[in-house]
PDB file of N, CA and C in Angstrom:
ATOM      1  N   MET A   1      85.719  62.485 124.193  1.00  0.00           N
ATOM      2  CA  MET A   1      85.175  61.134 124.162  1.00  0.00           C
ATOM      3  C   MET A   1      84.015  61.073 123.165  1.00  0.00           C
ATOM      4  N   ALA A   2      83.947  59.976 122.473  1.00  0.00           N
ATOM      5  CA  ALA A   2      82.868  59.741 121.527  1.00  0.00           C
ATOM      6  C   ALA A   2      81.966  58.630 122.055  1.00  0.00           C
ATOM      7  N   VAL A   3      80.751  58.617 121.579  1.00  0.00           N
ATOM      8  CA  VAL A   3      79.845  57.509 121.861  1.00  0.00           C
ATOM      9  C   VAL A   3      80.085  56.457 120.792  1.00  0.00           C
ATOM     10  N   ARG A   4      80.354  55.250 121.229  1.00  0.00           N
ATOM     11  CA  ARG A   4      80.619  54.129 120.331  1.00  0.00           C
ATOM     12  C   ARG A   4      79.719  52.963 120.722  1.00  0.00           C
ATOM     13  N   ALA A   5      79.690  51.951 119.878  1.00  0.00           N
ATOM     14  CA  ALA A   5      78.947  50.727 120.185  1.00  0.00           C
ATOM     15  C   ALA A   5      79.852  49.540 119.915  1.00  0.00           C
ATOM     16  N   VAL A   6      79.796  48.574 120.814  1.00  0.00           N
ATOM     17  CA  VAL A   6      80.575  47.353 120.651  1.00  0.00           C
ATOM     18  C   VAL A   6      79.628  46.167 120.757  1.00  0.00           C
ATOM     19  N   ARG A   7      79.867  45.174 119.897  1.00  0.00           N
ATOM     20  CA  ARG A   7      78.975  44.017 119.798  1.00  0.00           C
ATOM     21  C   ARG A   7      79.619  42.772 120.362  1.00  0.00           C
ATOM     22  N   GLY A   8      78.768  41.791 120.622  1.00  0.00           N
ATOM     23  CA  GLY A   8      79.255  40.495 121.047  1.00  0.00           C
ATOM     24  C   GLY A   8      78.133  39.483 121.088  1.00  0.00           C
ATOM     25  N   ALA A   9      78.514  38.213 121.184  1.00  0.00           N
ATOM     26  CA  ALA A   9      77.520  37.146 121.276  1.00  0.00           C
ATOM     27  C   ALA A   9      78.176  35.904 121.852  1.00  0.00           C
ATOM     28  N   VAL A  10      77.327  35.061 122.410  1.00  0.00           N
ATOM     29  CA  VAL A  10      77.767  33.770 122.926  1.00  0.00           C
ATOM     30  C   VAL A  10      76.628  32.774 122.718  1.00  0.00           C
ATOM     31  N   GLN A  11      76.985  31.534 122.378  1.00  0.00           N
ATOM     32  CA  GLN A  11      75.987  30.476 122.280  1.00  0.00           C
ATOM     33  C   GLN A  11      76.026  29.659 123.561  1.00  0.00           C
ATOM     34  N   LEU A  12      74.876  29.485 124.176  1.00  0.00           N
ATOM     35  CA  LEU A  12      74.773  28.677 125.387  1.00  0.00           C
ATOM     36  C   LEU A  12      74.674  27.205 125.019  1.00  0.00           C
ATOM     37  N   GLU A  13      75.193  26.367 125.880  1.00  0.00           N
ATOM     38  CA  GLU A  13      75.082  24.924 125.673  1.00  0.00           C
ATOM     39  C   GLU A  13      73.711  24.413 126.076  1.00  0.00           C
ATOM     40  N   ARG A  14      73.088  25.112 127.048  1.00  0.00           N
ATOM     41  CA  ARG A  14      71.777  24.691 127.547  1.00  0.00           C
ATOM     42  C   ARG A  14      71.059  25.906 128.135  1.00  0.00           C
ATOM     43  N   ASP A  15      69.767  25.791 128.257  1.00  0.00           N
ATOM     44  CA  ASP A  15      68.950  26.879 128.788  1.00  0.00           C
ATOM     45  C   ASP A  15      68.764  26.707 130.297  1.00  0.00           C
ATOM     46  N   GLU A  16      69.779  27.119 131.050  1.00  0.00           N
ATOM     47  CA  GLU A  16      69.738  27.082 132.507  1.00  0.00           C
ATOM     48  C   GLU A  16      70.245  28.420 133.025  1.00  0.00           C
ATOM     49  N   ALA A  17      69.579  28.958 134.044  1.00  0.00           N
ATOM     50  CA  ALA A  17      69.909  30.288 134.557  1.00  0.00           C
ATOM     51  C   ALA A  17      71.379  30.401 134.966  1.00  0.00           C
ATOM     52  N   GLY A  18      71.898  29.446 135.694  1.00  0.00           N
ATOM     53  CA  GLY A  18      73.292  29.501 136.130  1.00  0.00           C
ATOM     54  C   GLY A  18      74.263  29.505 134.968  1.00  0.00           C
ATOM     55  N   HIS A  19      73.962  28.691 133.965  1.00  0.00           N
ATOM     56  CA  HIS A  19      74.810  28.632 132.773  1.00  0.00           C
ATOM     57  C   HIS A  19      74.744  29.949 132.015  1.00  0.00           C
ATOM     58  N   MET A  20      73.546  30.543 131.920  1.00  0.00           N
ATOM     59  CA  MET A  20      73.402  31.833 131.249  1.00  0.00           C
ATOM     60  C   MET A  20      74.216  32.889 131.994  1.00  0.00           C
ATOM     61  N   ASP A  21      74.112  32.936 133.313  1.00  0.00           N
ATOM     62  CA  ASP A  21      74.894  33.894 134.097  1.00  0.00           C
ATOM     63  C   ASP A  21      76.384  33.759 133.807  1.00  0.00           C
ATOM     64  N   GLU A  22      76.859  32.522 133.806  1.00  0.00           N
ATOM     65  CA  GLU A  22      78.278  32.253 133.573  1.00  0.00           C
ATOM     66  C   GLU A  22      78.719  32.715 132.187  1.00  0.00           C
ATOM     67  N   GLN A  23      77.962  32.333 131.169  1.00  0.00           N
ATOM     68  CA  GLN A  23      78.352  32.628 129.788  1.00  0.00           C
ATOM     69  C   GLN A  23      78.193  34.108 129.440  1.00  0.00           C
ATOM     70  N   VAL A  24      77.104  34.716 129.864  1.00  0.00           N
ATOM     71  CA  VAL A  24      76.904  36.143 129.592  1.00  0.00           C
ATOM     72  C   VAL A  24      77.910  36.958 130.399  1.00  0.00           C
ATOM     73  N   GLY A  25      78.188  36.530 131.621  1.00  0.00           N
ATOM     74  CA  GLY A  25      79.216  37.192 132.421  1.00  0.00           C
ATOM     75  C   GLY A  25      80.578  37.138 131.742  1.00  0.00           C
ATOM     76  N   ALA A  26      80.917  35.988 131.189  1.00  0.00           N
ATOM     77  CA  ALA A  26      82.192  35.838 130.473  1.00  0.00           C
ATOM     78  C   ALA A  26      82.227  36.738 129.238  1.00  0.00           C
ATOM     79  N   LEU A  27      81.105  36.836 128.530  1.00  0.00           N
ATOM     80  CA  LEU A  27      81.028  37.689 127.352  1.00  0.00           C
ATOM     81  C   LEU A  27      81.231  39.154 127.731  1.00  0.00           C
ATOM     82  N   LEU A  28      80.506  39.622 128.741  1.00  0.00           N
ATOM     83  CA  LEU A  28      80.638  41.024 129.154  1.00  0.00           C
ATOM     84  C   LEU A  28      82.042  41.327 129.658  1.00  0.00           C
ATOM     85  N   THR A  29      82.616  40.422 130.414  1.00  0.00           N
ATOM     86  CA  THR A  29      83.976  40.607 130.912  1.00  0.00           C
ATOM     87  C   THR A  29      84.954  40.717 129.751  1.00  0.00           C
ATOM     88  N   ALA A  30      84.802  39.857 128.751  1.00  0.00           N
ATOM     89  CA  ALA A  30      85.688  39.893 127.585  1.00  0.00           C
ATOM     90  C   ALA A  30      85.519  41.193 126.795  1.00  0.00           C
ATOM     91  N   VAL A  31      84.286  41.653 126.634  1.00  0.00           N
ATOM     92  CA  VAL A  31      84.047  42.915 125.920  1.00  0.00           C
ATOM     93  C   VAL A  31      84.761  44.063 126.629  1.00  0.00           C
ATOM     94  N   LEU A  32      84.613  44.127 127.953  1.00  0.00           N
ATOM     95  CA  LEU A  32      85.254  45.199 128.715  1.00  0.00           C
ATOM     96  C   LEU A  32      86.781  45.085 128.647  1.00  0.00           C
ATOM     97  N   GLU A  33      87.312  43.896 128.927  1.00  0.00           N
ATOM     98  CA  GLU A  33      88.767  43.717 128.967  1.00  0.00           C
ATOM     99  C   GLU A  33      89.420  43.959 127.615  1.00  0.00           C
ATOM    100  N   ARG A  34      88.857  43.393 126.562  1.00  0.00           N
ATOM    101  CA  ARG A  34      89.488  43.501 125.240  1.00  0.00           C
ATOM    102  C   ARG A  34      89.425  44.908 124.671  1.00  0.00           C
ATOM    103  N   ASN A  35      88.540  45.732 125.217  1.00  0.00           N
ATOM    104  CA  ASN A  35      88.437  47.120 124.767  1.00  0.00           C
ATOM    105  C   ASN A  35      88.991  48.109 125.783  1.00  0.00           C
ATOM    106  N   GLY A  36      89.596  47.601 126.857  1.00  0.00           N
ATOM    107  CA  GLY A  36      90.167  48.471 127.868  1.00  0.00           C
ATOM    108  C   GLY A  36      89.142  49.362 128.541  1.00  0.00           C
ATOM    109  N   LEU A  37      87.950  48.814 128.787  1.00  0.00           N
ATOM    110  CA  LEU A  37      86.839  49.582 129.348  1.00  0.00           C
ATOM    111  C   LEU A  37      86.612  49.243 130.817  1.00  0.00           C
ATOM    112  N   SER A  38      86.028  50.178 131.519  1.00  0.00           N
ATOM    113  CA  SER A  38      85.531  49.924 132.866  1.00  0.00           C
ATOM    114  C   SER A  38      84.024  50.135 132.839  1.00  0.00           C
ATOM    115  N   THR A  39      83.364  49.786 133.907  1.00  0.00           N
ATOM    116  CA  THR A  39      81.901  49.979 133.941  1.00  0.00           C
ATOM    117  C   THR A  39      81.538  51.457 133.851  1.00  0.00           C
ATOM    118  N   ASP A  40      82.440  52.357 134.231  1.00  0.00           N
ATOM    119  CA  ASP A  40      82.177  53.793 134.106  1.00  0.00           C
ATOM    120  C   ASP A  40      82.091  54.236 132.653  1.00  0.00           C
ATOM    121  N   ASP A  41      82.642  53.462 131.733  1.00  0.00           N
ATOM    122  CA  ASP A  41      82.596  53.788 130.308  1.00  0.00           C
ATOM    123  C   ASP A  41      81.287  53.359 129.644  1.00  0.00           C
ATOM    124  N   LEU A  42      80.485  52.562 130.350  1.00  0.00           N
ATOM    125  CA  LEU A  42      79.236  52.043 129.781  1.00  0.00           C
ATOM    126  C   LEU A  42      78.136  53.095 129.844  1.00  0.00           C
ATOM    127  N   ILE A  43      77.415  53.236 128.745  1.00  0.00           N
ATOM    128  CA  ILE A  43      76.248  54.119 128.686  1.00  0.00           C
ATOM    129  C   ILE A  43      74.979  53.288 128.854  1.00  0.00           C
ATOM    130  N   SER A  44      74.866  52.222 128.069  1.00  0.00           N
ATOM    131  CA  SER A  44      73.725  51.307 128.158  1.00  0.00           C
ATOM    132  C   SER A  44      74.089  50.015 127.448  1.00  0.00           C
ATOM    133  N   ILE A  45      73.321  48.967 127.738  1.00  0.00           N
ATOM    134  CA  ILE A  45      73.547  47.678 127.083  1.00  0.00           C
ATOM    135  C   ILE A  45      72.204  47.082 126.670  1.00  0.00           C
ATOM    136  N   TRP A  46      72.131  46.675 125.419  1.00  0.00           N
ATOM    137  CA  TRP A  46      70.987  45.927 124.896  1.00  0.00           C
ATOM    138  C   TRP A  46      71.393  44.466 124.814  1.00  0.00           C
ATOM    139  N   PHE A  47      70.528  43.600 125.286  1.00  0.00           N
ATOM    140  CA  PHE A  47      70.718  42.159 125.161  1.00  0.00           C
ATOM    141  C   PHE A  47      69.579  41.613 124.313  1.00  0.00           C
ATOM    142  N   THR A  48      69.892  40.678 123.430  1.00  0.00           N
ATOM    143  CA  THR A  48      68.836  39.901 122.779  1.00  0.00           C
ATOM    144  C   THR A  48      69.140  38.431 123.024  1.00  0.00           C
ATOM    145  N   ALA A  49      68.082  37.640 123.063  1.00  0.00           N
ATOM    146  CA  ALA A  49      68.213  36.194 123.233  1.00  0.00           C
ATOM    147  C   ALA A  49      67.311  35.517 122.210  1.00  0.00           C
ATOM    148  N   THR A  50      67.772  34.406 121.698  1.00  0.00           N
ATOM    149  CA  THR A  50      66.943  33.657 120.759  1.00  0.00           C
ATOM    150  C   THR A  50      65.710  33.133 121.490  1.00  0.00           C
ATOM    151  N   PRO A  51      64.624  32.867 120.759  1.00  0.00           N
ATOM    152  CA  PRO A  51      63.353  32.482 121.388  1.00  0.00           C
ATOM    153  C   PRO A  51      63.396  31.187 122.192  1.00  0.00           C
ATOM    154  N   ASP A  52      64.457  30.403 122.051  1.00  0.00           N
ATOM    155  CA  ASP A  52      64.549  29.140 122.796  1.00  0.00           C
ATOM    156  C   ASP A  52      65.174  29.312 124.183  1.00  0.00           C
ATOM    157  N   LEU A  53      65.498  30.535 124.569  1.00  0.00           N
ATOM    158  CA  LEU A  53      66.062  30.800 125.899  1.00  0.00           C
ATOM    159  C   LEU A  53      64.994  31.405 126.807  1.00  0.00           C
ATOM    160  N   HIS A  54      64.701  30.726 127.912  1.00  0.00           N
ATOM    161  CA  HIS A  54      63.627  31.131 128.821  1.00  0.00           C
ATOM    162  C   HIS A  54      64.036  31.170 130.284  1.00  0.00           C
ATOM    163  N   SER A  55      65.229  30.693 130.622  1.00  0.00           N
ATOM    164  CA  SER A  55      65.588  30.457 132.020  1.00  0.00           C
ATOM    165  C   SER A  55      65.840  31.723 132.829  1.00  0.00           C
ATOM    166  N   ASP A  56      66.267  32.803 132.181  1.00  0.00           N
ATOM    167  CA  ASP A  56      66.568  34.036 132.912  1.00  0.00           C
ATOM    168  C   ASP A  56      66.736  35.176 131.921  1.00  0.00           C
ATOM    169  N   PHE A  57      66.826  36.383 132.469  1.00  0.00           N
ATOM    170  CA  PHE A  57      67.125  37.554 131.664  1.00  0.00           C
ATOM    171  C   PHE A  57      68.642  37.669 131.540  1.00  0.00           C
ATOM    172  N   PRO A  58      69.183  37.842 130.330  1.00  0.00           N
ATOM    173  CA  PRO A  58      70.632  38.018 130.203  1.00  0.00           C
ATOM    174  C   PRO A  58      71.152  39.195 131.032  1.00  0.00           C
ATOM    175  N   ALA A  59      70.352  40.232 131.194  1.00  0.00           N
ATOM    176  CA  ALA A  59      70.782  41.401 131.966  1.00  0.00           C
ATOM    177  C   ALA A  59      71.066  41.048 133.426  1.00  0.00           C
ATOM    178  N   ALA A  60      70.466  39.993 133.931  1.00  0.00           N
ATOM    179  CA  ALA A  60      70.713  39.585 135.316  1.00  0.00           C
ATOM    180  C   ALA A  60      72.188  39.265 135.529  1.00  0.00           C
ATOM    181  N   ALA A  61      72.841  38.732 134.513  1.00  0.00           N
ATOM    182  CA  ALA A  61      74.273  38.430 134.621  1.00  0.00           C
ATOM    183  C   ALA A  61      75.083  39.709 134.767  1.00  0.00           C
ATOM    184  N   ALA A  62      74.675  40.771 134.080  1.00  0.00           N
ATOM    185  CA  ALA A  62      75.379  42.054 134.200  1.00  0.00           C
ATOM    186  C   ALA A  62      75.263  42.602 135.616  1.00  0.00           C
ATOM    187  N   ARG A  63      74.088  42.498 136.189  1.00  0.00           N
ATOM    188  CA  ARG A  63      73.884  42.982 137.562  1.00  0.00           C
ATOM    189  C   ARG A  63      74.764  42.200 138.538  1.00  0.00           C
ATOM    190  N   LYS A  64      74.891  40.893 138.299  1.00  0.00           N
ATOM    191  CA  LYS A  64      75.721  40.063 139.182  1.00  0.00           C
ATOM    192  C   LYS A  64      77.204  40.395 139.049  1.00  0.00           C
ATOM    193  N   LEU A  65      77.594  40.991 137.907  1.00  0.00           N
ATOM    194  CA  LEU A  65      78.978  41.430 137.712  1.00  0.00           C
ATOM    195  C   LEU A  65      79.240  42.784 138.367  1.00  0.00           C
ATOM    196  N   GLY A  66      78.184  43.409 138.881  1.00  0.00           N
ATOM    197  CA  GLY A  66      78.338  44.719 139.503  1.00  0.00           C
ATOM    198  C   GLY A  66      77.977  45.874 138.598  1.00  0.00           C
ATOM    199  N   ILE A  67      77.424  45.584 137.438  1.00  0.00           N
ATOM    200  CA  ILE A  67      76.968  46.642 136.532  1.00  0.00           C
ATOM    201  C   ILE A  67      75.555  47.010 136.984  1.00  0.00           C
ATOM    202  N   VAL A  68      75.479  47.913 137.947  1.00  0.00           N
ATOM    203  CA  VAL A  68      74.201  48.180 138.608  1.00  0.00           C
ATOM    204  C   VAL A  68      73.601  49.543 138.284  1.00  0.00           C
ATOM    205  N   ASP A  69      74.397  50.482 137.787  1.00  0.00           N
ATOM    206  CA  ASP A  69      73.864  51.820 137.518  1.00  0.00           C
ATOM    207  C   ASP A  69      73.861  52.154 136.028  1.00  0.00           C
ATOM    208  N   VAL A  70      73.864  51.124 135.198  1.00  0.00           N
ATOM    209  CA  VAL A  70      73.839  51.275 133.746  1.00  0.00           C
ATOM    210  C   VAL A  70      72.486  50.768 133.243  1.00  0.00           C
ATOM    211  N   PRO A  71      71.787  51.535 132.405  1.00  0.00           N
ATOM    212  CA  PRO A  71      70.526  51.049 131.855  1.00  0.00           C
ATOM    213  C   PRO A  71      70.742  49.793 130.998  1.00  0.00           C
ATOM    214  N   LEU A  72      69.936  48.770 131.261  1.00  0.00           N
ATOM    215  CA  LEU A  72      70.001  47.496 130.543  1.00  0.00           C
ATOM    216  C   LEU A  72      68.612  47.169 130.027  1.00  0.00           C
ATOM    217  N   ILE A  73      68.556  46.496 128.891  1.00  0.00           N
ATOM    218  CA  ILE A  73      67.264  46.046 128.370  1.00  0.00           C
ATOM    219  C   ILE A  73      67.463  44.717 127.652  1.00  0.00           C
ATOM    220  N   CYS A  74      66.453  43.865 127.749  1.00  0.00           N
ATOM    221  CA  CYS A  74      66.476  42.570 127.067  1.00  0.00           C
ATOM    222  C   CYS A  74      65.351  42.528 126.043  1.00  0.00           C
ATOM    223  N   ALA A  75      65.614  41.867 124.933  1.00  0.00           N
ATOM    224  CA  ALA A  75      64.611  41.689 123.889  1.00  0.00           C
ATOM    225  C   ALA A  75      64.805  40.311 123.270  1.00  0.00           C
ATOM    226  N   GLN A  76      63.800  39.875 122.538  1.00  0.00           N
ATOM    227  CA  GLN A  76      63.895  38.580 121.884  1.00  0.00           C
ATOM    228  C   GLN A  76      64.376  38.767 120.456  1.00  0.00           C
ATOM    229  N   GLU A  77      65.309  37.936 120.073  1.00  0.00           N
ATOM    230  CA  GLU A  77      65.836  37.923 118.708  1.00  0.00           C
ATOM    231  C   GLU A  77      64.752  37.386 117.768  1.00  0.00           C
ATOM    232  N   LEU A  78      64.813  37.739 116.491  1.00  0.00           N
ATOM    233  CA  LEU A  78      63.861  37.217 115.513  1.00  0.00           C
ATOM    234  C   LEU A  78      63.968  35.698 115.438  1.00  0.00           C
ATOM    235  N   ASP A  79      62.846  35.039 115.252  1.00  0.00           N
ATOM    236  CA  ASP A  79      62.791  33.587 115.155  1.00  0.00           C
ATOM    237  C   ASP A  79      62.932  33.195 113.681  1.00  0.00           C
ATOM    238  N   VAL A  80      64.169  33.202 113.196  1.00  0.00           N
ATOM    239  CA  VAL A  80      64.455  32.923 111.796  1.00  0.00           C
ATOM    240  C   VAL A  80      64.811  31.451 111.638  1.00  0.00           C
ATOM    241  N   GLU A  81      64.152  30.787 110.703  1.00  0.00           N
ATOM    242  CA  GLU A  81      64.412  29.373 110.470  1.00  0.00           C
ATOM    243  C   GLU A  81      65.879  29.155 110.109  1.00  0.00           C
ATOM    244  N   GLY A  82      66.503  28.186 110.765  1.00  0.00           N
ATOM    245  CA  GLY A  82      67.896  27.852 110.495  1.00  0.00           C
ATOM    246  C   GLY A  82      68.902  28.690 111.269  1.00  0.00           C
ATOM    247  N   ALA A  83      68.432  29.649 112.077  1.00  0.00           N
ATOM    248  CA  ALA A  83      69.356  30.484 112.853  1.00  0.00           C
ATOM    249  C   ALA A  83      70.007  29.665 113.959  1.00  0.00           C
ATOM    250  N   MET A  84      71.178  30.105 114.375  1.00  0.00           N
ATOM    251  CA  MET A  84      71.891  29.427 115.459  1.00  0.00           C
ATOM    252  C   MET A  84      71.044  29.477 116.731  1.00  0.00           C
ATOM    253  N   PRO A  85      70.849  28.348 117.397  1.00  0.00           N
ATOM    254  CA  PRO A  85      70.035  28.318 118.617  1.00  0.00           C
ATOM    255  C   PRO A  85      70.806  28.783 119.855  1.00  0.00           C
ATOM    256  N   ARG A  86      70.062  29.138 120.901  1.00  0.00           N
ATOM    257  CA  ARG A  86      70.578  29.453 122.238  1.00  0.00           C
ATOM    258  C   ARG A  86      71.660  30.525 122.228  1.00  0.00           C
ATOM    259  N   VAL A  87      71.400  31.627 121.543  1.00  0.00           N
ATOM    260  CA  VAL A  87      72.388  32.700 121.420  1.00  0.00           C
ATOM    261  C   VAL A  87      71.920  33.941 122.176  1.00  0.00           C
ATOM    262  N   VAL A  88      72.838  34.508 122.943  1.00  0.00           N
ATOM    263  CA  VAL A  88      72.637  35.817 123.568  1.00  0.00           C
ATOM    264  C   VAL A  88      73.570  36.788 122.861  1.00  0.00           C
ATOM    265  N   ARG A  89      72.990  37.899 122.394  1.00  0.00           N
ATOM    266  CA  ARG A  89      73.768  38.949 121.745  1.00  0.00           C
ATOM    267  C   ARG A  89      73.790  40.183 122.636  1.00  0.00           C
ATOM    268  N   VAL A  90      74.852  40.960 122.504  1.00  0.00           N
ATOM    269  CA  VAL A  90      75.038  42.164 123.304  1.00  0.00           C
ATOM    270  C   VAL A  90      75.378  43.324 122.364  1.00  0.00           C
ATOM    271  N   LEU A  91      74.777  44.474 122.631  1.00  0.00           N
ATOM    272  CA  LEU A  91      75.145  45.732 121.975  1.00  0.00           C
ATOM    273  C   LEU A  91      75.356  46.736 123.097  1.00  0.00           C
ATOM    274  N   ALA A  92      76.620  47.050 123.367  1.00  0.00           N
ATOM    275  CA  ALA A  92      76.951  47.964 124.455  1.00  0.00           C
ATOM    276  C   ALA A  92      77.305  49.329 123.887  1.00  0.00           C
ATOM    277  N   HIS A  93      76.627  50.355 124.376  1.00  0.00           N
ATOM    278  CA  HIS A  93      76.952  51.732 124.025  1.00  0.00           C
ATOM    279  C   HIS A  93      77.965  52.225 125.052  1.00  0.00           C
ATOM    280  N   ILE A  94      79.057  52.795 124.566  1.00  0.00           N
ATOM    281  CA  ILE A  94      80.167  53.165 125.443  1.00  0.00           C
ATOM    282  C   ILE A  94      80.648  54.578 125.130  1.00  0.00           C
ATOM    283  N   GLU A  95      81.378  55.155 126.086  1.00  0.00           N
ATOM    284  CA  GLU A  95      82.143  56.370 125.851  1.00  0.00           C
ATOM    285  C   GLU A  95      83.586  55.926 125.679  1.00  0.00           C
ATOM    286  N   SER A  96      84.196  56.320 124.562  1.00  0.00           N
ATOM    287  CA  SER A  96      85.554  55.859 124.293  1.00  0.00           C
ATOM    288  C   SER A  96      86.235  56.779 123.291  1.00  0.00           C
ATOM    289  N   ALA A  97      87.523  56.978 123.498  1.00  0.00           N
ATOM    290  CA  ALA A  97      88.335  57.725 122.540  1.00  0.00           C
ATOM    291  C   ALA A  97      88.867  56.797 121.445  1.00  0.00           C
ATOM    292  N   THR A  98      88.642  55.508 121.586  1.00  0.00           N
ATOM    293  CA  THR A  98      89.099  54.529 120.602  1.00  0.00           C
ATOM    294  C   THR A  98      88.350  54.724 119.292  1.00  0.00           C
ATOM    295  N   PRO A  99      89.056  54.798 118.168  1.00  0.00           N
ATOM    296  CA  PRO A  99      88.364  54.888 116.876  1.00  0.00           C
ATOM    297  C   PRO A  99      87.462  53.671 116.655  1.00  0.00           C
ATOM    298  N   ARG A 100      86.353  53.882 115.991  1.00  0.00           N
ATOM    299  CA  ARG A 100      85.385  52.812 115.745  1.00  0.00           C
ATOM    300  C   ARG A 100      86.047  51.585 115.123  1.00  0.00           C
ATOM    301  N   ALA A 101      86.966  51.800 114.198  1.00  0.00           N
ATOM    302  CA  ALA A 101      87.627  50.680 113.514  1.00  0.00           C
ATOM    303  C   ALA A 101      88.507  49.853 114.443  1.00  0.00           C
ATOM    304  N   ASP A 102      88.886  50.404 115.590  1.00  0.00           N
ATOM    305  CA  ASP A 102      89.770  49.696 116.516  1.00  0.00           C
ATOM    306  C   ASP A 102      89.039  49.002 117.652  1.00  0.00           C
ATOM    307  N   LEU A 103      87.725  49.126 117.709  1.00  0.00           N
ATOM    308  CA  LEU A 103      86.964  48.434 118.747  1.00  0.00           C
ATOM    309  C   LEU A 103      87.023  46.923 118.514  1.00  0.00           C
ATOM    310  N   VAL A 104      87.009  46.180 119.596  1.00  0.00           N
ATOM    311  CA  VAL A 104      87.075  44.718 119.513  1.00  0.00           C
ATOM    312  C   VAL A 104      85.680  44.168 119.816  1.00  0.00           C
ATOM    313  N   HIS A 105      85.062  43.585 118.804  1.00  0.00           N
ATOM    314  CA  HIS A 105      83.763  42.936 118.963  1.00  0.00           C
ATOM    315  C   HIS A 105      84.029  41.481 119.340  1.00  0.00           C
ATOM    316  N   VAL A 106      83.306  40.984 120.330  1.00  0.00           N
ATOM    317  CA  VAL A 106      83.648  39.697 120.948  1.00  0.00           C
ATOM    318  C   VAL A 106      82.554  38.666 120.674  1.00  0.00           C
ATOM    319  N   TYR A 107      82.910  37.618 119.958  1.00  0.00           N
ATOM    320  CA  TYR A 107      82.009  36.507 119.673  1.00  0.00           C
ATOM    321  C   TYR A 107      82.672  35.250 120.215  1.00  0.00           C
ATOM    322  N   LEU A 108      82.138  34.738 121.314  1.00  0.00           N
ATOM    323  CA  LEU A 108      82.757  33.616 122.004  1.00  0.00           C
ATOM    324  C   LEU A 108      82.288  32.268 121.459  1.00  0.00           C
ATOM    325  N   GLY A 109      83.193  31.315 121.446  1.00  0.00           N
ATOM    326  CA  GLY A 109      82.851  29.949 121.052  1.00  0.00           C
ATOM    327  C   GLY A 109      82.210  29.872 119.679  1.00  0.00           C
ATOM    328  N   ALA A 110      81.176  29.055 119.577  1.00  0.00           N
ATOM    329  CA  ALA A 110      80.500  28.827 118.298  1.00  0.00           C
ATOM    330  C   ALA A 110      79.878  30.096 117.730  1.00  0.00           C
ATOM    331  N   ALA A 111      79.612  31.083 118.596  1.00  0.00           N
ATOM    332  CA  ALA A 111      79.011  32.340 118.123  1.00  0.00           C
ATOM    333  C   ALA A 111      79.946  33.110 117.195  1.00  0.00           C
ATOM    334  N   SER A 112      81.220  32.754 117.161  1.00  0.00           N
ATOM    335  CA  SER A 112      82.141  33.440 116.246  1.00  0.00           C
ATOM    336  C   SER A 112      81.714  33.247 114.787  1.00  0.00           C
ATOM    337  N   ALA A 113      80.958  32.200 114.500  1.00  0.00           N
ATOM    338  CA  ALA A 113      80.476  31.964 113.141  1.00  0.00           C
ATOM    339  C   ALA A 113      79.423  32.982 112.725  1.00  0.00           C
ATOM    340  N   LEU A 114      78.834  33.703 113.678  1.00  0.00           N
ATOM    341  CA  LEU A 114      77.795  34.679 113.355  1.00  0.00           C
ATOM    342  C   LEU A 114      78.333  35.878 112.613  1.00  0.00           C
ATOM    343  N   ARG A 115      79.523  36.318 112.970  1.00  0.00           N
ATOM    344  CA  ARG A 115      80.120  37.511 112.351  1.00  0.00           C
ATOM    345  C   ARG A 115      81.596  37.271 112.093  1.00  0.00           C
ATOM    346  N   LYS A 116      81.883  36.421 111.132  1.00  0.00           N
ATOM    347  CA  LYS A 116      83.265  36.106 110.812  1.00  0.00           C
ATOM    348  C   LYS A 116      84.033  37.353 110.374  1.00  0.00           C
ATOM    349  N   ASP A 117      83.305  38.356 109.879  1.00  0.00           N
ATOM    350  CA  ASP A 117      83.951  39.572 109.401  1.00  0.00           C
ATOM    351  C   ASP A 117      84.489  40.443 110.531  1.00  0.00           C
ATOM    352  N   ILE A 118      83.893  40.351 111.750  1.00  0.00           N
ATOM    353  CA  ILE A 118      84.351  41.211 112.849  1.00  0.00           C
ATOM    354  C   ILE A 118      84.727  40.446 114.111  1.00  0.00           C
ATOM    355  N   ALA A 119      84.484  39.159 114.154  1.00  0.00           N
ATOM    356  CA  ALA A 119      84.800  38.375 115.361  1.00  0.00           C
ATOM    357  C   ALA A 119      86.300  38.398 115.603  1.00  0.00           C
ATOM    358  N   GLN A 120      86.667  38.589 116.858  1.00  0.00           N
ATOM    359  CA  GLN A 120      88.091  38.660 117.221  1.00  0.00           C
ATOM    360  C   GLN A 120      88.551  37.324 117.757  1.00  0.00           C
TER     361      GLN A 120
END
């Protein structure tokens, strides 16, 4: 098994804790499913949120999904003028035999515009 990293992002429609839980939960579920991963394959997950998101920690959604024994951390994304608002990004470190080129990076909804080169 190799250590790999898989990326993803989602744009929220509004800054509300319940909505963040729903959208981040959907993002994490898609990352796991599309890469054939289970929570046992997770090493750690980094979350970033744009500065306009204040309602909750994105990592709280992971805990609600049952990801309870994986180290999680949240950070604030750079406040760059003109950047897409209300975005949560994920960088998950995983154990996987899948070649790096075959990993599926997941950008949901409008966030697919962030990485047109790798969005699935």
